[in-house]
C-alpha atoms as a PDB file:
ATOM      1  CA  MET A   1     -46.408  59.320 -55.812  1.00  0.00           C
ATOM      2  CA  LYS A   2     -47.795  62.495 -54.258  1.00  0.00           C
ATOM      3  CA  LYS A   3     -51.218  62.337 -52.671  1.00  0.00           C
ATOM      4  CA  VAL A   4     -54.001  64.850 -53.398  1.00  0.00           C
ATOM      5  CA  LEU A   5     -57.253  65.206 -51.476  1.00  0.00           C
ATOM      6  CA  VAL A   6     -60.338  66.009 -53.558  1.00  0.00           C
ATOM      7  CA  ILE A   7     -63.420  67.109 -51.617  1.00  0.00           C
ATOM      8  CA  GLU A   8     -66.296  66.899 -54.092  1.00  0.00           C
ATOM      9  CA  ASP A   9     -69.840  65.560 -53.742  1.00  0.00           C
ATOM     10  CA  ASN A  10     -70.706  65.336 -57.449  1.00  0.00           C
ATOM     11  CA  GLU A  11     -69.650  61.941 -58.805  1.00  0.00           C
ATOM     12  CA  ASN A  12     -69.077  63.170 -62.379  1.00  0.00           C
ATOM     13  CA  ASN A  13     -66.961  66.129 -61.257  1.00  0.00           C
ATOM     14  CA  LEU A  14     -64.989  63.832 -58.946  1.00  0.00           C
ATOM     15  CA  LYS A  15     -64.294  61.414 -61.819  1.00  0.00           C
ATOM     16  CA  LEU A  16     -63.148  64.258 -64.078  1.00  0.00           C
ATOM     17  CA  ILE A  17     -60.710  65.849 -61.613  1.00  0.00           C
ATOM     18  CA  THR A  18     -59.488  62.402 -60.500  1.00  0.00           C
ATOM     19  CA  TYR A  19     -58.762  61.511 -64.120  1.00  0.00           C
ATOM     20  CA  ALA A  20     -56.795  64.737 -64.618  1.00  0.00           C
ATOM     21  CA  LEU A  21     -54.780  64.266 -61.426  1.00  0.00           C
ATOM     22  CA  GLN A  22     -54.013  60.570 -61.967  1.00  0.00           C
ATOM     23  CA  ARG A  23     -52.999  61.303 -65.556  1.00  0.00           C
ATOM     24  CA  ASN A  24     -50.358  63.610 -64.057  1.00  0.00           C
ATOM     25  CA  GLY A  25     -49.050  61.030 -61.586  1.00  0.00           C
ATOM     26  CA  TYR A  26     -51.004  61.886 -58.433  1.00  0.00           C
ATOM     27  CA  GLN A  27     -52.693  59.487 -56.047  1.00  0.00           C
ATOM     28  CA  VAL A  28     -56.211  60.737 -55.266  1.00  0.00           C
ATOM     29  CA  VAL A  29     -58.002  60.445 -51.934  1.00  0.00           C
ATOM     30  CA  ALA A  30     -61.639  61.578 -52.080  1.00  0.00           C
ATOM     31  CA  ALA A  31     -64.228  62.888 -49.634  1.00  0.00           C
ATOM     32  CA  GLU A  32     -67.884  63.619 -50.389  1.00  0.00           C
ATOM     33  CA  THR A  33     -68.565  65.921 -47.425  1.00  0.00           C
ATOM     34  CA  GLY A  34     -66.772  68.843 -45.868  1.00  0.00           C
ATOM     35  CA  GLU A  35     -66.445  67.129 -42.515  1.00  0.00           C
ATOM     36  CA  LYS A  36     -64.898  64.011 -44.066  1.00  0.00           C
ATOM     37  CA  GLY A  37     -62.579  66.263 -46.071  1.00  0.00           C
ATOM     38  CA  VAL A  38     -61.220  67.950 -42.948  1.00  0.00           C
ATOM     39  CA  GLU A  39     -60.793  64.544 -41.294  1.00  0.00           C
ATOM     40  CA  LEU A  40     -58.907  63.132 -44.295  1.00  0.00           C
ATOM     41  CA  ALA A  41     -56.743  66.246 -44.600  1.00  0.00           C
ATOM     42  CA  GLN A  42     -55.557  65.713 -41.025  1.00  0.00           C
ATOM     43  CA  LYS A  43     -55.051  61.969 -41.513  1.00  0.00           C
ATOM     44  CA  GLU A  44     -53.518  61.885 -45.014  1.00  0.00           C
ATOM     45  CA  LYS A  45     -51.607  65.217 -45.062  1.00  0.00           C
ATOM     46  CA  PRO A  46     -51.892  65.570 -48.858  1.00  0.00           C
ATOM     47  CA  PHE A  47     -49.589  67.562 -51.146  1.00  0.00           C
ATOM     48  CA  PHE A  48     -52.530  69.837 -51.989  1.00  0.00           C
ATOM     49  CA  ILE A  49     -56.321  69.879 -51.652  1.00  0.00           C
ATOM     50  CA  ILE A  50     -59.061  70.474 -54.213  1.00  0.00           C
ATOM     51  CA  VAL A  51     -62.315  71.599 -52.596  1.00  0.00           C
ATOM     52  CA  ASP A  52     -65.761  72.222 -54.011  1.00  0.00           C
ATOM     53  CA  ILE A  53     -67.535  75.157 -52.372  1.00  0.00           C
ATOM     54  CA  ASP A  54     -71.084  73.759 -52.382  1.00  0.00           C
ATOM     55  CA  LEU A  55     -70.820  70.630 -50.215  1.00  0.00           C
ATOM     56  CA  PRO A  56     -73.233  68.780 -47.953  1.00  0.00           C
ATOM     57  CA  GLY A  57     -72.609  69.607 -44.301  1.00  0.00           C
ATOM     58  CA  ILE A  58     -70.019  72.334 -43.963  1.00  0.00           C
ATOM     59  CA  ASP A  59     -69.226  74.189 -47.179  1.00  0.00           C
ATOM     60  CA  GLY A  60     -65.847  74.595 -48.863  1.00  0.00           C
ATOM     61  CA  TYR A  61     -65.244  77.973 -47.215  1.00  0.00           C
ATOM     62  CA  GLU A  62     -65.609  76.408 -43.760  1.00  0.00           C
ATOM     63  CA  VAL A  63     -63.494  73.402 -44.778  1.00  0.00           C
ATOM     64  CA  THR A  64     -60.733  75.785 -45.829  1.00  0.00           C
ATOM     65  CA  LYS A  65     -60.965  77.826 -42.638  1.00  0.00           C
ATOM     66  CA  ARG A  66     -60.753  74.698 -40.460  1.00  0.00           C
ATOM     67  CA  ILE A  67     -57.732  73.366 -42.328  1.00  0.00           C
ATOM     68  CA  LYS A  68     -55.964  76.741 -42.269  1.00  0.00           C
ATOM     69  CA  ASN A  69     -56.632  77.005 -38.511  1.00  0.00           C
ATOM     70  CA  SER A  70     -55.003  73.620 -37.844  1.00  0.00           C
ATOM     71  CA  LYS A  71     -51.312  74.025 -37.016  1.00  0.00           C
ATOM     72  CA  MET A  72     -50.478  70.527 -38.343  1.00  0.00           C
ATOM     73  CA  ILE A  73     -51.900  71.059 -41.847  1.00  0.00           C
ATOM     74  CA  ASN A  74     -52.281  74.822 -42.379  1.00  0.00           C
ATOM     75  CA  HIS A  75     -49.402  74.842 -44.901  1.00  0.00           C
ATOM     76  CA  ILE A  76     -51.235  72.627 -47.419  1.00  0.00           C
ATOM     77  CA  PRO A  77     -52.321  74.574 -50.538  1.00  0.00           C
ATOM     78  CA  ILE A  78     -56.077  74.550 -51.154  1.00  0.00           C
ATOM     79  CA  ILE A  79     -57.655  75.124 -54.556  1.00  0.00           C
ATOM     80  CA  ALA A  80     -61.390  75.840 -54.854  1.00  0.00           C
ATOM     81  CA  ILE A  81     -63.118  74.458 -57.923  1.00  0.00           C
ATOM     82  CA  THR A  82     -66.715  75.544 -58.075  1.00  0.00           C
ATOM     83  CA  SER A  83     -69.677  76.354 -60.235  1.00  0.00           C
ATOM     84  CA  TYR A  84     -70.097  79.591 -58.256  1.00  0.00           C
ATOM     85  CA  ALA A  85     -69.268  82.366 -60.669  1.00  0.00           C
ATOM     86  CA  MET A  86     -70.824  85.442 -59.096  1.00  0.00           C
ATOM     87  CA  VAL A  87     -68.993  88.700 -58.545  1.00  0.00           C
ATOM     88  CA  GLY A  88     -67.006  88.414 -55.325  1.00  0.00           C
ATOM     89  CA  ASP A  89     -66.914  84.600 -55.143  1.00  0.00           C
ATOM     90  CA  ARG A  90     -63.215  84.421 -56.059  1.00  0.00           C
ATOM     91  CA  GLU A  91     -62.432  87.010 -53.380  1.00  0.00           C
ATOM     92  CA  LYS A  92     -64.527  85.112 -50.818  1.00  0.00           C
ATOM     93  CA  ALA A  93     -62.642  81.877 -51.580  1.00  0.00           C
ATOM     94  CA  VAL A  94     -59.269  83.597 -51.230  1.00  0.00           C
ATOM     95  CA  ALA A  95     -60.398  85.350 -48.031  1.00  0.00           C
ATOM     96  CA  SER A  96     -61.331  81.973 -46.521  1.00  0.00           C
ATOM     97  CA  GLY A  97     -57.758  80.780 -47.164  1.00  0.00           C
ATOM     98  CA  CYS A  98     -57.836  79.216 -50.642  1.00  0.00           C
ATOM     99  CA  ASN A  99     -54.664  79.626 -52.669  1.00  0.00           C
ATOM    100  CA  GLY A 100     -56.576  79.545 -55.938  1.00  0.00           C
ATOM    101  CA  TYR A 101     -60.019  79.350 -57.508  1.00  0.00           C
ATOM    102  CA  PHE A 102     -61.307  77.769 -60.717  1.00  0.00           C
ATOM    103  CA  GLU A 103     -64.784  77.793 -62.188  1.00  0.00           C
ATOM    104  CA  LYS A 104     -66.459  74.642 -63.447  1.00  0.00           C
ATOM    105  CA  PRO A 105     -66.481  73.120 -65.918  1.00  0.00           C
ATOM    106  CA  ILE A 106     -62.760  72.400 -65.804  1.00  0.00           C
ATOM    107  CA  ASP A 107     -60.584  71.308 -68.697  1.00  0.00           C
ATOM    108  CA  PRO A 108     -58.986  68.013 -67.586  1.00  0.00           C
ATOM    109  CA  LEU A 109     -56.146  68.504 -70.057  1.00  0.00           C
ATOM    110  CA  THR A 110     -54.994  71.860 -68.630  1.00  0.00           C
ATOM    111  CA  ILE A 111     -56.253  72.036 -65.033  1.00  0.00           C
ATOM    112  CA  VAL A 112     -53.215  70.380 -63.419  1.00  0.00           C
ATOM    113  CA  ASP A 113     -50.805  72.801 -65.112  1.00  0.00           C
ATOM    114  CA  LYS A 114     -52.927  75.685 -63.814  1.00  0.00           C
ATOM    115  CA  ILE A 115     -52.891  74.183 -60.308  1.00  0.00           C
ATOM    116  CA  HIS A 116     -49.092  73.850 -60.452  1.00  0.00           C
ATOM    117  CA  GLU A 117     -48.841  77.560 -61.301  1.00  0.00           C
ATOM    118  CA  ILE A 118     -50.740  78.387 -58.122  1.00  0.00           C
ATOM    119  CA  ILE A 119     -48.953  76.055 -55.707  1.00  0.00           C
ATOM    120  CA  ARG A 120     -45.414  76.907 -56.804  1.00  0.00           C
END
């Protein structure tokens, strides 16, 4: 079973994405802060990472930059899922190193297929 790291501080959003991932055969490891997310990424070396942008502590952009600057884990795909929907936010996420970007709310029935399209 492939492991996925979800970095999300909102309990309801975490439950929703966890449900979608587990339904598709993934094991989910979760972090509620950016710092814990970076720590778990280094420890767990997940197949891919889902990161919220608006996190306590360091934000999702900084999480992504730190992971992409780490030689041991910089190959791991990172997908931003966020309620930020302003002009330029997608570009900012990609510029920080994210491989993809989705706006909340997500559809738990289709989100994993969309993630697979990005990480292939």
